[in-house]
Amino acid sequence: RGQFIWTPVCPEIMSGMGVPRASIKLSGGNGFDFWEGKATIKNKDGEN
């Protein structure tokens, strides 16, 4: 563990959704599709 320099990141925290939060799910495709505008992310409450 001490042989490396670590950089922890969390895209969901950096999104501003906070803790705790409703879980999210990819809808309409995968991550590649998401970046092409073909898929989206919604939380379990149905919010985009």
ModelCIF file with pLDDT and N, C-alpha, C, O atoms, coordinates in Angstrom:
data_MODEL
#
_entry.id   MODEL 
#
_entity.id                         1 
_entity.type                       polymer 
_entity.pdbx_number_of_molecules   1 
#
_entity_poly.entity_id                      1 
_entity_poly.type                           'polypeptide(L)' 
_entity_poly.nstd_linkage                   no 
_entity_poly.nstd_monomer                   no 
_entity_poly.pdbx_seq_one_letter_code       RGQFIWTPVCPEIMSGMGVPRASIKLSGGNGFDFWEGKATIKNKDGEN 
_entity_poly.pdbx_seq_one_letter_code_can   RGQFIWTPVCPEIMSGMGVPRASIKLSGGNGFDFWEGKATIKNKDGEN 
_entity_poly.pdbx_strand_id                 A 
#
loop_
_entity_poly_seq.entity_id 
_entity_poly_seq.num 
_entity_poly_seq.mon_id 
_entity_poly_seq.hetero 
1 1  ARG n 
1 2  GLY n 
1 3  GLN n 
1 4  PHE n 
1 5  ILE n 
1 6  TRP n 
1 7  THR n 
1 8  PRO n 
1 9  VAL n 
1 10 CYS n 
1 11 PRO n 
1 12 GLU n 
1 13 ILE n 
1 14 MET n 
1 15 SER n 
1 16 GLY n 
1 17 MET n 
1 18 GLY n 
1 19 VAL n 
1 20 PRO n 
1 21 ARG n 
1 22 ALA n 
1 23 SER n 
1 24 ILE n 
1 25 LYS n 
1 26 LEU n 
1 27 SER n 
1 28 GLY n 
1 29 GLY n 
1 30 ASN n 
1 31 GLY n 
1 32 PHE n 
1 33 ASP n 
1 34 PHE n 
1 35 TRP n 
1 36 GLU n 
1 37 GLY n 
1 38 LYS n 
1 39 ALA n 
1 40 THR n 
1 41 ILE n 
1 42 LYS n 
1 43 ASN n 
1 44 LYS n 
1 45 ASP n 
1 46 GLY n 
1 47 GLU n 
1 48 ASN n 
#
_struct_asym.id          A 
_struct_asym.entity_id   1 
#
loop_
_ma_qa_metric.id 
_ma_qa_metric.mode 
_ma_qa_metric.name 
_ma_qa_metric.software_group_id 
_ma_qa_metric.type 
1 global pLDDT . pLDDT 
2 local  pLDDT . pLDDT 
#
_ma_qa_metric_global.metric_id      1 
_ma_qa_metric_global.metric_value   96.04 
_ma_qa_metric_global.model_id       1 
_ma_qa_metric_global.ordinal_id     1 
#
loop_
_ma_qa_metric_local.label_asym_id 
_ma_qa_metric_local.label_comp_id 
_ma_qa_metric_local.label_seq_id 
_ma_qa_metric_local.metric_id 
_ma_qa_metric_local.metric_value 
_ma_qa_metric_local.model_id 
_ma_qa_metric_local.ordinal_id 
A ARG 1  2 96.00 1 1  
A GLY 2  2 96.00 1 2  
A GLN 3  2 96.00 1 3  
A PHE 4  2 98.00 1 4  
A ILE 5  2 98.00 1 5  
A TRP 6  2 98.00 1 6  
A THR 7  2 98.00 1 7  
A PRO 8  2 98.00 1 8  
A VAL 9  2 98.00 1 9  
A CYS 10 2 98.00 1 10 
A PRO 11 2 97.00 1 11 
A GLU 12 2 97.00 1 12 
A ILE 13 2 97.00 1 13 
A MET 14 2 97.00 1 14 
A SER 15 2 97.00 1 15 
A GLY 16 2 97.00 1 16 
A MET 17 2 95.00 1 17 
A GLY 18 2 95.00 1 18 
A VAL 19 2 97.00 1 19 
A PRO 20 2 96.00 1 20 
A ARG 21 2 96.00 1 21 
A ALA 22 2 96.00 1 22 
A SER 23 2 94.00 1 23 
A ILE 24 2 94.00 1 24 
A LYS 25 2 93.00 1 25 
A LEU 26 2 93.00 1 26 
A SER 27 2 92.00 1 27 
A GLY 28 2 94.00 1 28 
A GLY 29 2 95.00 1 29 
A ASN 30 2 96.00 1 30 
A GLY 31 2 97.00 1 31 
A PHE 32 2 97.00 1 32 
A ASP 33 2 97.00 1 33 
A PHE 34 2 97.00 1 34 
A TRP 35 2 98.00 1 35 
A GLU 36 2 97.00 1 36 
A GLY 37 2 96.00 1 37 
A LYS 38 2 97.00 1 38 
A ALA 39 2 97.00 1 39 
A THR 40 2 96.00 1 40 
A ILE 41 2 96.00 1 41 
A LYS 42 2 95.00 1 42 
A ASN 43 2 94.00 1 43 
A LYS 44 2 93.00 1 44 
A ASP 45 2 94.00 1 45 
A GLY 46 2 94.00 1 46 
A GLU 47 2 96.00 1 47 
A ASN 48 2 97.00 1 48 
#
loop_
_atom_site.group_PDB 
_atom_site.id 
_atom_site.type_symbol 
_atom_site.label_atom_id 
_atom_site.label_alt_id 
_atom_site.label_comp_id 
_atom_site.label_asym_id 
_atom_site.label_entity_id 
_atom_site.label_seq_id 
_atom_site.pdbx_PDB_ins_code 
_atom_site.Cartn_x 
_atom_site.Cartn_y 
_atom_site.Cartn_z 
_atom_site.occupancy 
_atom_site.B_iso_or_equiv 
_atom_site.pdbx_formal_charge 
_atom_site.auth_seq_id 
_atom_site.auth_comp_id 
_atom_site.auth_asym_id 
_atom_site.auth_atom_id 
_atom_site.pdbx_PDB_model_num 
ATOM 1   N N  . ARG A 1 1  ? 0.828   -1.214 0.000   1.00 96.00 ? 1  ARG A N  1 
ATOM 2   C CA . ARG A 1 1  ? 0.000   0.000  0.000   1.00 96.00 ? 1  ARG A CA 1 
ATOM 3   C C  . ARG A 1 1  ? 0.859   1.259  0.000   1.00 96.00 ? 1  ARG A C  1 
ATOM 4   O O  . ARG A 1 1  ? 0.512   2.256  -0.634  1.00 96.00 ? 1  ARG A O  1 
ATOM 5   N N  . GLY A 1 2  ? 1.971   1.209  0.709   1.00 96.00 ? 2  GLY A N  1 
ATOM 6   C CA . GLY A 1 2  ? 2.841   2.369  0.813   1.00 96.00 ? 2  GLY A CA 1 
ATOM 7   C C  . GLY A 1 2  ? 3.763   2.567  -0.374  1.00 96.00 ? 2  GLY A C  1 
ATOM 8   O O  . GLY A 1 2  ? 4.527   3.531  -0.410  1.00 96.00 ? 2  GLY A O  1 
ATOM 9   N N  . GLN A 1 3  ? 3.703   1.662  -1.353  1.00 96.00 ? 3  GLN A N  1 
ATOM 10  C CA . GLN A 1 3  ? 4.568   1.769  -2.521  1.00 96.00 ? 3  GLN A CA 1 
ATOM 11  C C  . GLN A 1 3  ? 3.945   2.579  -3.655  1.00 96.00 ? 3  GLN A C  1 
ATOM 12  O O  . GLN A 1 3  ? 4.525   2.712  -4.732  1.00 96.00 ? 3  GLN A O  1 
ATOM 13  N N  . PHE A 1 4  ? 2.745   3.121  -3.391  1.00 98.00 ? 4  PHE A N  1 
ATOM 14  C CA . PHE A 1 4  ? 2.045   3.850  -4.445  1.00 98.00 ? 4  PHE A CA 1 
ATOM 15  C C  . PHE A 1 4  ? 1.529   5.188  -3.921  1.00 98.00 ? 4  PHE A C  1 
ATOM 16  O O  . PHE A 1 4  ? 1.374   5.382  -2.716  1.00 98.00 ? 4  PHE A O  1 
ATOM 17  N N  . ILE A 1 5  ? 1.271   6.098  -4.847  1.00 98.00 ? 5  ILE A N  1 
ATOM 18  C CA . ILE A 1 5  ? 0.599   7.359  -4.537  1.00 98.00 ? 5  ILE A CA 1 
ATOM 19  C C  . ILE A 1 5  ? -0.846  7.207  -5.005  1.00 98.00 ? 5  ILE A C  1 
ATOM 20  O O  . ILE A 1 5  ? -1.094  6.881  -6.166  1.00 98.00 ? 5  ILE A O  1 
ATOM 21  N N  . TRP A 1 6  ? -1.799  7.442  -4.104  1.00 98.00 ? 6  TRP A N  1 
ATOM 22  C CA . TRP A 1 6  ? -3.208  7.144  -4.387  1.00 98.00 ? 6  TRP A CA 1 
ATOM 23  C C  . TRP A 1 6  ? -4.008  8.416  -4.653  1.00 98.00 ? 6  TRP A C  1 
ATOM 24  O O  . TRP A 1 6  ? -3.812  9.445  -4.007  1.00 98.00 ? 6  TRP A O  1 
ATOM 25  N N  . THR A 1 7  ? -4.913  8.315  -5.622  1.00 98.00 ? 7  THR A N  1 
ATOM 26  C CA . THR A 1 7  ? -5.837  9.417  -5.918  1.00 98.00 ? 7  THR A CA 1 
ATOM 27  C C  . THR A 1 7  ? -7.257  8.853  -5.947  1.00 98.00 ? 7  THR A C  1 
ATOM 28  O O  . THR A 1 7  ? -7.685  8.327  -6.974  1.00 98.00 ? 7  THR A O  1 
ATOM 29  N N  . PRO A 1 8  ? -8.003  8.953  -4.829  1.00 98.00 ? 8  PRO A N  1 
ATOM 30  C CA . PRO A 1 8  ? -9.380  8.451  -4.794  1.00 98.00 ? 8  PRO A CA 1 
ATOM 31  C C  . PRO A 1 8  ? -10.348 9.449  -5.439  1.00 98.00 ? 8  PRO A C  1 
ATOM 32  O O  . PRO A 1 8  ? -10.253 10.654 -5.203  1.00 98.00 ? 8  PRO A O  1 
ATOM 33  N N  . VAL A 1 9  ? -11.263 8.951  -6.241  1.00 98.00 ? 9  VAL A N  1 
ATOM 34  C CA . VAL A 1 9  ? -12.296 9.803  -6.850  1.00 98.00 ? 9  VAL A CA 1 
ATOM 35  C C  . VAL A 1 9  ? -13.633 9.068  -6.826  1.00 98.00 ? 9  VAL A C  1 
ATOM 36  O O  . VAL A 1 9  ? -13.676 7.839  -6.762  1.00 98.00 ? 9  VAL A O  1 
ATOM 37  N N  . CYS A 1 10 ? -14.725 9.834  -6.879  1.00 98.00 ? 10 CYS A N  1 
ATOM 38  C CA . CYS A 1 10 ? -16.068 9.254  -6.961  1.00 98.00 ? 10 CYS A CA 1 
ATOM 39  C C  . CYS A 1 10 ? -16.923 10.125 -7.876  1.00 98.00 ? 10 CYS A C  1 
ATOM 40  O O  . CYS A 1 10 ? -17.289 11.238 -7.498  1.00 98.00 ? 10 CYS A O  1 
ATOM 41  N N  . PRO A 1 11 ? -17.247 9.636  -9.072  1.00 97.00 ? 11 PRO A N  1 
ATOM 42  C CA . PRO A 1 11 ? -18.041 10.437 -10.006 1.00 97.00 ? 11 PRO A CA 1 
ATOM 43  C C  . PRO A 1 11 ? -19.438 10.768 -9.501  1.00 97.00 ? 11 PRO A C  1 
ATOM 44  O O  . PRO A 1 11 ? -20.002 11.800 -9.864  1.00 97.00 ? 11 PRO A O  1 
ATOM 45  N N  . GLU A 1 12 ? -20.003 9.893  -8.661  1.00 97.00 ? 12 GLU A N  1 
ATOM 46  C CA . GLU A 1 12 ? -21.347 10.179 -8.159  1.00 97.00 ? 12 GLU A CA 1 
ATOM 47  C C  . GLU A 1 12 ? -21.326 11.291 -7.110  1.00 97.00 ? 12 GLU A C  1 
ATOM 48  O O  . GLU A 1 12 ? -22.245 12.109 -7.054  1.00 97.00 ? 12 GLU A O  1 
ATOM 49  N N  . ILE A 1 13 ? -20.284 11.325 -6.281  1.00 97.00 ? 13 ILE A N  1 
ATOM 50  C CA . ILE A 1 13 ? -20.137 12.426 -5.329  1.00 97.00 ? 13 ILE A CA 1 
ATOM 51  C C  . ILE A 1 13 ? -19.848 13.731 -6.070  1.00 97.00 ? 13 ILE A C  1 
ATOM 52  O O  . ILE A 1 13 ? -20.419 14.774 -5.751  1.00 97.00 ? 13 ILE A O  1 
ATOM 53  N N  . MET A 1 14 ? -18.949 13.664 -7.070  1.00 97.00 ? 14 MET A N  1 
ATOM 54  C CA . MET A 1 14 ? -18.600 14.863 -7.829  1.00 97.00 ? 14 MET A CA 1 
ATOM 55  C C  . MET A 1 14 ? -19.764 15.368 -8.669  1.00 97.00 ? 14 MET A C  1 
ATOM 56  O O  . MET A 1 14 ? -19.751 16.506 -9.139  1.00 97.00 ? 14 MET A O  1 
ATOM 57  N N  . SER A 1 15 ? -20.776 14.516 -8.858  1.00 97.00 ? 15 SER A N  1 
ATOM 58  C CA . SER A 1 15 ? -21.969 14.950 -9.592  1.00 97.00 ? 15 SER A CA 1 
ATOM 59  C C  . SER A 1 15 ? -22.830 15.888 -8.745  1.00 97.00 ? 15 SER A C  1 
ATOM 60  O O  . SER A 1 15 ? -23.637 16.658 -9.266  1.00 97.00 ? 15 SER A O  1 
ATOM 61  N N  . GLY A 1 16 ? -22.638 15.805 -7.424  1.00 97.00 ? 16 GLY A N  1 
ATOM 62  C CA . GLY A 1 16 ? -23.412 16.648 -6.528  1.00 97.00 ? 16 GLY A CA 1 
ATOM 63  C C  . GLY A 1 16 ? -24.631 15.959 -5.932  1.00 97.00 ? 16 GLY A C  1 
ATOM 64  O O  . GLY A 1 16 ? -25.474 16.614 -5.319  1.00 97.00 ? 16 GLY A O  1 
ATOM 65  N N  . MET A 1 17 ? -24.734 14.631 -6.106  1.00 95.00 ? 17 MET A N  1 
ATOM 66  C CA . MET A 1 17 ? -25.931 13.936 -5.615  1.00 95.00 ? 17 MET A CA 1 
ATOM 67  C C  . MET A 1 17 ? -25.908 13.699 -4.103  1.00 95.00 ? 17 MET A C  1 
ATOM 68  O O  . MET A 1 17 ? -26.963 13.507 -3.498  1.00 95.00 ? 17 MET A O  1 
ATOM 69  N N  . GLY A 1 18 ? -24.728 13.709 -3.487  1.00 95.00 ? 18 GLY A N  1 
ATOM 70  C CA . GLY A 1 18 ? -24.651 13.604 -2.033  1.00 95.00 ? 18 GLY A CA 1 
ATOM 71  C C  . GLY A 1 18 ? -24.816 12.200 -1.478  1.00 95.00 ? 18 GLY A C  1 
ATOM 72  O O  . GLY A 1 18 ? -25.039 11.247 -2.224  1.00 95.00 ? 18 GLY A O  1 
ATOM 73  N N  . VAL A 1 19 ? -24.703 12.081 -0.144  1.00 97.00 ? 19 VAL A N  1 
ATOM 74  C CA . VAL A 1 19 ? -24.817 10.815 0.597   1.00 97.00 ? 19 VAL A CA 1 
ATOM 75  C C  . VAL A 1 19 ? -25.738 11.035 1.790   1.00 97.00 ? 19 VAL A C  1 
ATOM 76  O O  . VAL A 1 19 ? -25.557 12.016 2.513   1.00 97.00 ? 19 VAL A O  1 
ATOM 77  N N  . PRO A 1 20 ? -26.720 10.163 2.029   1.00 96.00 ? 20 PRO A N  1 
ATOM 78  C CA . PRO A 1 20 ? -27.129 9.062  1.136   1.00 96.00 ? 20 PRO A CA 1 
ATOM 79  C C  . PRO A 1 20 ? -27.910 9.613  -0.050  1.00 96.00 ? 20 PRO A C  1 
ATOM 80  O O  . PRO A 1 20 ? -28.291 10.783 -0.058  1.00 96.00 ? 20 PRO A O  1 
ATOM 81  N N  . ARG A 1 21 ? -28.150 8.760  -1.062  1.00 96.00 ? 21 ARG A N  1 
ATOM 82  C CA . ARG A 1 21 ? -28.861 9.175  -2.261  1.00 96.00 ? 21 ARG A CA 1 
ATOM 83  C C  . ARG A 1 21 ? -29.583 7.973  -2.843  1.00 96.00 ? 21 ARG A C  1 
ATOM 84  O O  . ARG A 1 21 ? -29.246 6.829  -2.536  1.00 96.00 ? 21 ARG A O  1 
ATOM 85  N N  . ALA A 1 22 ? -30.549 8.225  -3.661  1.00 96.00 ? 22 ALA A N  1 
ATOM 86  C CA . ALA A 1 22 ? -31.238 7.143  -4.348  1.00 96.00 ? 22 ALA A CA 1 
ATOM 87  C C  . ALA A 1 22 ? -30.280 6.494  -5.344  1.00 96.00 ? 22 ALA A C  1 
ATOM 88  O O  . ALA A 1 22 ? -29.557 7.198  -6.050  1.00 96.00 ? 22 ALA A O  1 
ATOM 89  N N  . SER A 1 23 ? -30.265 5.173  -5.410  1.00 94.00 ? 23 SER A N  1 
ATOM 90  C CA . SER A 1 23 ? -29.380 4.472  -6.345  1.00 94.00 ? 23 SER A CA 1 
ATOM 91  C C  . SER A 1 23 ? -29.755 4.824  -7.785  1.00 94.00 ? 23 SER A C  1 
ATOM 92  O O  . SER A 1 23 ? -30.902 5.163  -8.076  1.00 94.00 ? 23 SER A O  1 
ATOM 93  N N  . ILE A 1 24 ? -28.766 4.737  -8.680  1.00 94.00 ? 24 ILE A N  1 
ATOM 94  C CA . ILE A 1 24 ? -28.981 5.096  -10.074 1.00 94.00 ? 24 ILE A CA 1 
ATOM 95  C C  . ILE A 1 24 ? -28.844 3.880  -10.979 1.00 94.00 ? 24 ILE A C  1 
ATOM 96  O O  . ILE A 1 24 ? -28.303 2.849  -10.579 1.00 94.00 ? 24 ILE A O  1 
ATOM 97  N N  . LYS A 1 25 ? -29.349 4.017  -12.217 1.00 93.00 ? 25 LYS A N  1 
ATOM 98  C CA . LYS A 1 25 ? -29.327 2.912  -13.158 1.00 93.00 ? 25 LYS A CA 1 
ATOM 99  C C  . LYS A 1 25 ? -29.207 3.445  -14.580 1.00 93.00 ? 25 LYS A C  1 
ATOM 100 O O  . LYS A 1 25 ? -29.851 4.428  -14.947 1.00 93.00 ? 25 LYS A O  1 
ATOM 101 N N  . LEU A 1 26 ? -28.361 2.771  -15.384 1.00 93.00 ? 26 LEU A N  1 
ATOM 102 C CA . LEU A 1 26 ? -28.258 3.090  -16.805 1.00 93.00 ? 26 LEU A CA 1 
ATOM 103 C C  . LEU A 1 26 ? -29.524 2.637  -17.509 1.00 93.00 ? 26 LEU A C  1 
ATOM 104 O O  . LEU A 1 26 ? -30.019 1.538  -17.257 1.00 93.00 ? 26 LEU A O  1 
ATOM 105 N N  . SER A 1 27 ? -30.039 3.463  -18.375 1.00 92.00 ? 27 SER A N  1 
ATOM 106 C CA . SER A 1 27 ? -31.265 3.130  -19.086 1.00 92.00 ? 27 SER A CA 1 
ATOM 107 C C  . SER A 1 27 ? -31.109 3.436  -20.573 1.00 92.00 ? 27 SER A C  1 
ATOM 108 O O  . SER A 1 27 ? -30.673 4.525  -20.945 1.00 92.00 ? 27 SER A O  1 
ATOM 109 N N  . GLY A 1 28 ? -31.465 2.479  -21.417 1.00 94.00 ? 28 GLY A N  1 
ATOM 110 C CA . GLY A 1 28 ? -31.431 2.697  -22.865 1.00 94.00 ? 28 GLY A CA 1 
ATOM 111 C C  . GLY A 1 28 ? -30.111 2.361  -23.525 1.00 94.00 ? 28 GLY A C  1 
ATOM 112 O O  . GLY A 1 28 ? -29.939 2.636  -24.713 1.00 94.00 ? 28 GLY A O  1 
ATOM 113 N N  . GLY A 1 29 ? -29.166 1.771  -22.794 1.00 95.00 ? 29 GLY A N  1 
ATOM 114 C CA . GLY A 1 29 ? -27.882 1.404  -23.385 1.00 95.00 ? 29 GLY A CA 1 
ATOM 115 C C  . GLY A 1 29 ? -26.785 1.397  -22.339 1.00 95.00 ? 29 GLY A C  1 
ATOM 116 O O  . GLY A 1 29 ? -27.056 1.432  -21.139 1.00 95.00 ? 29 GLY A O  1 
ATOM 117 N N  . ASN A 1 30 ? -25.539 1.353  -22.804 1.00 96.00 ? 30 ASN A N  1 
ATOM 118 C CA . ASN A 1 30 ? -24.400 1.309  -21.884 1.00 96.00 ? 30 ASN A CA 1 
ATOM 119 C C  . ASN A 1 30 ? -23.711 2.664  -21.800 1.00 96.00 ? 30 ASN A C  1 
ATOM 120 O O  . ASN A 1 30 ? -24.219 3.664  -22.308 1.00 96.00 ? 30 ASN A O  1 
ATOM 121 N N  . GLY A 1 31 ? -22.545 2.686  -21.151 1.00 97.00 ? 31 GLY A N  1 
ATOM 122 C CA . GLY A 1 31 ? -21.829 3.940  -20.963 1.00 97.00 ? 31 GLY A CA 1 
ATOM 123 C C  . GLY A 1 31 ? -21.381 4.590  -22.259 1.00 97.00 ? 31 GLY A C  1 
ATOM 124 O O  . GLY A 1 31 ? -21.399 5.815  -22.374 1.00 97.00 ? 31 GLY A O  1 
ATOM 125 N N  . PHE A 1 32 ? -20.978 3.784  -23.242 1.00 97.00 ? 32 PHE A N  1 
ATOM 126 C CA . PHE A 1 32 ? -20.605 4.344  -24.538 1.00 97.00 ? 32 PHE A CA 1 
ATOM 127 C C  . PHE A 1 32 ? -21.819 5.022  -25.178 1.00 97.00 ? 32 PHE A C  1 
ATOM 128 O O  . PHE A 1 32 ? -21.714 6.113  -25.738 1.00 97.00 ? 32 PHE A O  1 
ATOM 129 N N  . ASP A 1 33 ? -22.969 4.356  -25.085 1.00 97.00 ? 33 ASP A N  1 
ATOM 130 C CA . ASP A 1 33 ? -24.203 4.944  -25.623 1.00 97.00 ? 33 ASP A CA 1 
ATOM 131 C C  . ASP A 1 33 ? -24.542 6.251  -24.904 1.00 97.00 ? 33 ASP A C  1 
ATOM 132 O O  . ASP A 1 33 ? -25.028 7.203  -25.515 1.00 97.00 ? 33 ASP A O  1 
ATOM 133 N N  . PHE A 1 34 ? -24.277 6.278  -23.607 1.00 97.00 ? 34 PHE A N  1 
ATOM 134 C CA . PHE A 1 34 ? -24.558 7.480  -22.813 1.00 97.00 ? 34 PHE A CA 1 
ATOM 135 C C  . PHE A 1 34 ? -23.828 8.688  -23.375 1.00 97.00 ? 34 PHE A C  1 
ATOM 136 O O  . PHE A 1 34 ? -24.417 9.758  -23.528 1.00 97.00 ? 34 PHE A O  1 
ATOM 137 N N  . TRP A 1 35 ? -22.547 8.519  -23.683 1.00 98.00 ? 35 TRP A N  1 
ATOM 138 C CA . TRP A 1 35 ? -21.744 9.646  -24.172 1.00 98.00 ? 35 TRP A CA 1 
ATOM 139 C C  . TRP A 1 35 ? -22.121 10.051 -25.590 1.00 98.00 ? 35 TRP A C  1 
ATOM 140 O O  . TRP A 1 35 ? -21.758 11.134 -26.051 1.00 98.00 ? 35 TRP A O  1 
ATOM 141 N N  . GLU A 1 36 ? -22.849 9.177  -26.280 1.00 97.00 ? 36 GLU A N  1 
ATOM 142 C CA . GLU A 1 36 ? -23.350 9.519  -27.618 1.00 97.00 ? 36 GLU A CA 1 
ATOM 143 C C  . GLU A 1 36 ? -24.782 10.032 -27.568 1.00 97.00 ? 36 GLU A C  1 
ATOM 144 O O  . GLU A 1 36 ? -25.395 10.283 -28.605 1.00 97.00 ? 36 GLU A O  1 
ATOM 145 N N  . GLY A 1 37 ? -25.316 10.188 -26.350 1.00 96.00 ? 37 GLY A N  1 
ATOM 146 C CA . GLY A 1 37 ? -26.665 10.706 -26.193 1.00 96.00 ? 37 GLY A CA 1 
ATOM 147 C C  . GLY A 1 37 ? -27.762 9.694  -26.440 1.00 96.00 ? 37 GLY A C  1 
ATOM 148 O O  . GLY A 1 37 ? -28.925 10.068 -26.593 1.00 96.00 ? 37 GLY A O  1 
ATOM 149 N N  . LYS A 1 38 ? -27.407 8.393  -26.483 1.00 97.00 ? 38 LYS A N  1 
ATOM 150 C CA . LYS A 1 38 ? -28.387 7.343  -26.780 1.00 97.00 ? 38 LYS A CA 1 
ATOM 151 C C  . LYS A 1 38 ? -28.916 6.654  -25.517 1.00 97.00 ? 38 LYS A C  1 
ATOM 152 O O  . LYS A 1 38 ? -29.895 5.912  -25.587 1.00 97.00 ? 38 LYS A O  1 
ATOM 153 N N  . ALA A 1 39 ? -28.288 6.890  -24.382 1.00 97.00 ? 39 ALA A N  1 
ATOM 154 C CA . ALA A 1 39 ? -28.707 6.277  -23.117 1.00 97.00 ? 39 ALA A CA 1 
ATOM 155 C C  . ALA A 1 39 ? -28.722 7.353  -22.042 1.00 97.00 ? 39 ALA A C  1 
ATOM 156 O O  . ALA A 1 39 ? -28.164 8.435  -22.223 1.00 97.00 ? 39 ALA A O  1 
ATOM 157 N N  . THR A 1 40 ? -29.354 7.050  -20.941 1.00 96.00 ? 40 THR A N  1 
ATOM 158 C CA . THR A 1 40 ? -29.444 8.037  -19.870 1.00 96.00 ? 40 THR A CA 1 
ATOM 159 C C  . THR A 1 40 ? -29.271 7.371  -18.507 1.00 96.00 ? 40 THR A C  1 
ATOM 160 O O  . THR A 1 40 ? -29.177 6.147  -18.411 1.00 96.00 ? 40 THR A O  1 
ATOM 161 N N  . ILE A 1 41 ? -29.230 8.175  -17.473 1.00 96.00 ? 41 ILE A N  1 
ATOM 162 C CA . ILE A 1 41 ? -29.117 7.704  -16.093 1.00 96.00 ? 41 ILE A CA 1 
ATOM 163 C C  . ILE A 1 41 ? -30.325 8.216  -15.302 1.00 96.00 ? 41 ILE A C  1 
ATOM 164 O O  . ILE A 1 41 ? -30.626 9.409  -15.305 1.00 96.00 ? 41 ILE A O  1 
ATOM 165 N N  . LYS A 1 42 ? -31.003 7.295  -14.631 1.00 95.00 ? 42 LYS A N  1 
ATOM 166 C CA . LYS A 1 42 ? -32.118 7.678  -13.766 1.00 95.00 ? 42 LYS A CA 1 
ATOM 167 C C  . LYS A 1 42 ? -31.909 7.054  -12.394 1.00 95.00 ? 42 LYS A C  1 
ATOM 168 O O  . LYS A 1 42 ? -31.289 5.998  -12.270 1.00 95.00 ? 42 LYS A O  1 
ATOM 169 N N  . ASN A 1 43 ? -32.433 7.717  -11.364 1.00 94.00 ? 43 ASN A N  1 
ATOM 170 C CA . ASN A 1 43 ? -32.384 7.096  -10.051 1.00 94.00 ? 43 ASN A CA 1 
ATOM 171 C C  . ASN A 1 43 ? -33.634 6.253  -9.834  1.00 94.00 ? 43 ASN A C  1 
ATOM 172 O O  . ASN A 1 43 ? -34.528 6.234  -10.681 1.00 94.00 ? 43 ASN A O  1 
ATOM 173 N N  . LYS A 1 44 ? -33.698 5.558  -8.706  1.00 93.00 ? 44 LYS A N  1 
ATOM 174 C CA . LYS A 1 44 ? -34.798 4.612  -8.494  1.00 93.00 ? 44 LYS A CA 1 
ATOM 175 C C  . LYS A 1 44 ? -36.155 5.318  -8.356  1.00 93.00 ? 44 LYS A C  1 
ATOM 176 O O  . LYS A 1 44 ? -37.207 4.680  -8.416  1.00 93.00 ? 44 LYS A O  1 
ATOM 177 N N  . ASP A 1 45 ? -36.112 6.638  -8.172  1.00 94.00 ? 45 ASP A N  1 
ATOM 178 C CA . ASP A 1 45 ? -37.357 7.412  -8.101  1.00 94.00 ? 45 ASP A CA 1 
ATOM 179 C C  . ASP A 1 45 ? -37.800 7.897  -9.476  1.00 94.00 ? 45 ASP A C  1 
ATOM 180 O O  . ASP A 1 45 ? -38.811 8.586  -9.606  1.00 94.00 ? 45 ASP A O  1 
ATOM 181 N N  . GLY A 1 46 ? -37.019 7.522  -10.516 1.00 94.00 ? 46 GLY A N  1 
ATOM 182 C CA . GLY A 1 46 ? -37.368 7.904  -11.872 1.00 94.00 ? 46 GLY A CA 1 
ATOM 183 C C  . GLY A 1 46 ? -36.856 9.262  -12.307 1.00 94.00 ? 46 GLY A C  1 
ATOM 184 O O  . GLY A 1 46 ? -37.180 9.725  -13.400 1.00 94.00 ? 46 GLY A O  1 
ATOM 185 N N  . GLU A 1 47 ? -36.051 9.916  -11.455 1.00 96.00 ? 47 GLU A N  1 
ATOM 186 C CA . GLU A 1 47 ? -35.526 11.239 -11.793 1.00 96.00 ? 47 GLU A CA 1 
ATOM 187 C C  . GLU A 1 47 ? -34.317 11.113 -12.720 1.00 96.00 ? 47 GLU A C  1 
ATOM 188 O O  . GLU A 1 47 ? -33.452 10.265 -12.500 1.00 96.00 ? 47 GLU A O  1 
ATOM 189 N N  . ASN A 1 48 ? -34.253 11.940 -13.742 1.00 97.00 ? 48 ASN A N  1 
ATOM 190 C CA . ASN A 1 48 ? -33.146 11.926 -14.690 1.00 97.00 ? 48 ASN A CA 1 
ATOM 191 C C  . ASN A 1 48 ? -31.927 12.622 -14.076 1.00 97.00 ? 48 ASN A C  1 
ATOM 192 O O  . ASN A 1 48 ? -30.881 12.717 -14.719 1.00 97.00 ? 48 ASN A O  1 
#
